[in-house]
Amino acid sequence: MALQLRMLGTTSEDGKCPTLYEDVATGDIVVQGYTVTDPEDIAQLQNVLDGESFVRIPRELLTRFAPKE
């Protein structure tokens, strides 16, 4: 079943990323941002599971739009 996403907010202009979304069924947060691809950056990440990926977002996006609950 497809996710039903509700846009929480963005700090971008003209509809470009980054953006936060909420899965209305579960309350999970979906993050849209620029993919981290540099091998040296990725090497610093811990406990990475198959299928996981990483995106960069400005701190302001979380402090302005992430749910507090």
N, C-alpha and C. Protein backbone atom coordinates (compact mmCIF):
# COMPACT_ATOMS: atom_id res chain seq x y z
N MET A 1 0.84 -1.18 0.00
CA MET A 1 0.00 0.00 0.00
C MET A 1 0.88 1.24 0.00
N ALA A 2 0.53 2.21 -0.78
CA ALA A 2 1.31 3.44 -0.89
C ALA A 2 1.16 4.28 0.37
N LEU A 3 2.22 4.99 0.70
CA LEU A 3 2.17 5.92 1.82
C LEU A 3 1.22 7.06 1.51
N GLN A 4 0.59 7.58 2.53
CA GLN A 4 -0.18 8.81 2.38
C GLN A 4 0.60 9.86 3.15
N LEU A 5 1.26 10.76 2.42
CA LEU A 5 2.16 11.72 3.03
C LEU A 5 1.52 13.10 3.13
N ARG A 6 1.81 13.76 4.23
CA ARG A 6 1.38 15.14 4.45
C ARG A 6 2.65 15.98 4.57
N MET A 7 2.77 17.01 3.75
CA MET A 7 3.95 17.86 3.81
C MET A 7 3.91 18.68 5.10
N LEU A 8 5.00 18.63 5.87
CA LEU A 8 5.08 19.39 7.11
C LEU A 8 5.68 20.77 6.89
N GLY A 9 6.69 20.82 6.01
CA GLY A 9 7.31 22.11 5.75
C GLY A 9 8.61 21.97 4.98
N THR A 10 9.08 23.11 4.50
CA THR A 10 10.32 23.15 3.73
C THR A 10 11.01 24.48 3.99
N THR A 11 12.32 24.46 3.86
CA THR A 11 13.09 25.70 3.94
C THR A 11 13.62 26.08 2.57
N SER A 12 13.15 25.38 1.55
CA SER A 12 13.62 25.63 0.20
C SER A 12 12.74 26.66 -0.49
N GLU A 13 13.21 27.10 -1.62
CA GLU A 13 12.44 28.03 -2.44
C GLU A 13 12.03 27.33 -3.73
N ASP A 14 10.92 27.71 -4.28
CA ASP A 14 10.45 27.20 -5.57
C ASP A 14 10.19 25.70 -5.57
N GLY A 15 9.82 25.12 -4.40
CA GLY A 15 9.46 23.72 -4.34
C GLY A 15 10.60 22.74 -4.47
N LYS A 16 11.81 23.19 -4.29
CA LYS A 16 12.96 22.28 -4.34
C LYS A 16 13.18 21.72 -2.95
N CYS A 17 13.97 20.62 -2.86
CA CYS A 17 14.22 20.03 -1.55
C CYS A 17 15.12 20.96 -0.75
N PRO A 18 15.22 20.80 0.54
CA PRO A 18 14.74 19.73 1.40
C PRO A 18 13.35 19.99 1.95
N THR A 19 12.68 18.88 2.31
CA THR A 19 11.32 18.96 2.81
C THR A 19 11.08 17.84 3.81
N LEU A 20 10.21 18.09 4.79
CA LEU A 20 9.78 17.06 5.73
C LEU A 20 8.34 16.67 5.42
N TYR A 21 8.06 15.37 5.51
CA TYR A 21 6.72 14.84 5.32
C TYR A 21 6.39 13.94 6.51
N GLU A 22 5.10 13.75 6.76
CA GLU A 22 4.65 12.82 7.78
C GLU A 22 3.80 11.75 7.12
N ASP A 23 4.05 10.50 7.47
CA ASP A 23 3.19 9.39 7.05
C ASP A 23 1.96 9.47 7.95
N VAL A 24 0.80 9.79 7.39
CA VAL A 24 -0.38 10.03 8.20
C VAL A 24 -0.87 8.77 8.92
N ALA A 25 -0.54 7.60 8.41
CA ALA A 25 -0.98 6.36 9.05
C ALA A 25 -0.14 6.00 10.27
N THR A 26 1.17 6.30 10.22
CA THR A 26 2.06 5.85 11.30
C THR A 26 2.67 6.99 12.10
N GLY A 27 2.67 8.20 11.54
CA GLY A 27 3.35 9.32 12.19
C GLY A 27 4.83 9.37 11.89
N ASP A 28 5.34 8.39 11.13
CA ASP A 28 6.76 8.40 10.75
C ASP A 28 7.06 9.62 9.91
N ILE A 29 8.31 10.08 9.98
CA ILE A 29 8.75 11.24 9.23
C ILE A 29 9.57 10.79 8.02
N VAL A 30 9.27 11.35 6.87
CA VAL A 30 10.02 11.09 5.64
C VAL A 30 10.76 12.38 5.30
N VAL A 31 12.07 12.26 5.02
CA VAL A 31 12.92 13.42 4.78
C VAL A 31 13.37 13.43 3.33
N GLN A 32 13.19 14.55 2.67
CA GLN A 32 13.69 14.75 1.31
C GLN A 32 14.88 15.70 1.40
N GLY A 33 16.00 15.29 0.84
CA GLY A 33 17.19 16.13 0.85
C GLY A 33 18.20 15.62 -0.16
N TYR A 34 19.37 16.23 -0.13
CA TYR A 34 20.43 15.82 -1.05
C TYR A 34 21.14 14.59 -0.50
N THR A 35 21.33 13.58 -1.33
CA THR A 35 21.94 12.33 -0.93
C THR A 35 23.40 12.51 -0.55
N VAL A 36 23.79 11.88 0.57
CA VAL A 36 25.19 11.84 0.98
C VAL A 36 25.86 10.74 0.17
N THR A 37 26.85 11.10 -0.63
CA THR A 37 27.49 10.12 -1.51
C THR A 37 28.99 10.01 -1.32
N ASP A 38 29.62 10.96 -0.65
CA ASP A 38 31.07 10.94 -0.48
C ASP A 38 31.47 9.74 0.38
N PRO A 39 32.35 8.87 -0.13
CA PRO A 39 32.74 7.67 0.62
C PRO A 39 33.33 7.98 2.00
N GLU A 40 34.07 9.08 2.13
CA GLU A 40 34.64 9.43 3.45
C GLU A 40 33.54 9.83 4.43
N ASP A 41 32.51 10.50 3.95
CA ASP A 41 31.38 10.84 4.81
C ASP A 41 30.62 9.59 5.23
N ILE A 42 30.36 8.72 4.27
CA ILE A 42 29.62 7.49 4.54
C ILE A 42 30.38 6.59 5.51
N ALA A 43 31.70 6.58 5.42
CA ALA A 43 32.52 5.75 6.30
C ALA A 43 32.37 6.14 7.76
N GLN A 44 31.94 7.35 8.04
CA GLN A 44 31.77 7.80 9.42
C GLN A 44 30.44 7.36 10.04
N LEU A 45 29.51 6.90 9.20
CA LEU A 45 28.19 6.49 9.69
C LEU A 45 28.29 5.11 10.34
N GLN A 46 27.45 4.89 11.34
CA GLN A 46 27.51 3.64 12.10
C GLN A 46 26.22 2.85 11.96
N ASN A 47 26.34 1.53 12.10
CA ASN A 47 25.19 0.62 12.12
C ASN A 47 24.29 0.77 10.90
N VAL A 48 24.90 0.84 9.74
CA VAL A 48 24.16 1.03 8.50
C VAL A 48 23.62 -0.32 8.03
N LEU A 49 22.32 -0.37 7.82
CA LEU A 49 21.67 -1.59 7.35
C LEU A 49 21.45 -1.53 5.84
N ASP A 50 21.33 -2.69 5.22
CA ASP A 50 21.00 -2.75 3.80
C ASP A 50 19.69 -2.00 3.57
N GLY A 51 19.65 -1.23 2.51
CA GLY A 51 18.44 -0.49 2.16
C GLY A 51 18.37 0.90 2.78
N GLU A 52 19.27 1.24 3.71
CA GLU A 52 19.26 2.57 4.30
C GLU A 52 20.03 3.55 3.41
N SER A 53 19.60 4.78 3.42
CA SER A 53 20.31 5.84 2.71
C SER A 53 20.32 7.08 3.60
N PHE A 54 21.06 8.08 3.19
CA PHE A 54 21.28 9.25 4.02
C PHE A 54 21.13 10.51 3.19
N VAL A 55 20.48 11.51 3.78
CA VAL A 55 20.32 12.79 3.11
C VAL A 55 20.74 13.90 4.05
N ARG A 56 21.18 15.01 3.46
CA ARG A 56 21.55 16.20 4.22
C ARG A 56 20.37 17.17 4.21
N ILE A 57 20.09 17.73 5.37
CA ILE A 57 19.06 18.76 5.47
C ILE A 57 19.55 19.85 6.42
N PRO A 58 19.10 21.07 6.26
CA PRO A 58 19.50 22.11 7.19
C PRO A 58 18.83 21.91 8.56
N ARG A 59 19.54 22.21 9.62
CA ARG A 59 19.01 22.09 10.98
C ARG A 59 17.69 22.88 11.12
N GLU A 60 17.61 24.02 10.45
CA GLU A 60 16.42 24.86 10.53
C GLU A 60 15.16 24.11 10.12
N LEU A 61 15.28 23.20 9.18
CA LEU A 61 14.11 22.44 8.73
C LEU A 61 13.53 21.63 9.89
N LEU A 62 14.39 20.99 10.67
CA LEU A 62 13.90 20.21 11.80
C LEU A 62 13.37 21.09 12.92
N THR A 63 14.07 22.16 13.23
CA THR A 63 13.64 23.00 14.36
C THR A 63 12.34 23.74 14.05
N ARG A 64 12.08 24.02 12.79
CA ARG A 64 10.85 24.73 12.42
C ARG A 64 9.66 23.81 12.21
N PHE A 65 9.89 22.61 11.64
CA PHE A 65 8.76 21.82 11.17
C PHE A 65 8.61 20.42 11.77
N ALA A 66 9.62 19.89 12.41
CA ALA A 66 9.49 18.53 12.96
C ALA A 66 8.49 18.53 14.11
N PRO A 67 7.61 17.51 14.16
CA PRO A 67 6.64 17.43 15.26
C PRO A 67 7.36 17.36 16.60
N LYS A 68 6.82 17.99 17.61
CA LYS A 68 7.43 18.01 18.94
C LYS A 68 7.01 16.81 19.77
N GLU A 69 6.05 16.03 19.32
CA GLU A 69 5.51 14.91 20.09
C GLU A 69 6.21 13.63 19.73
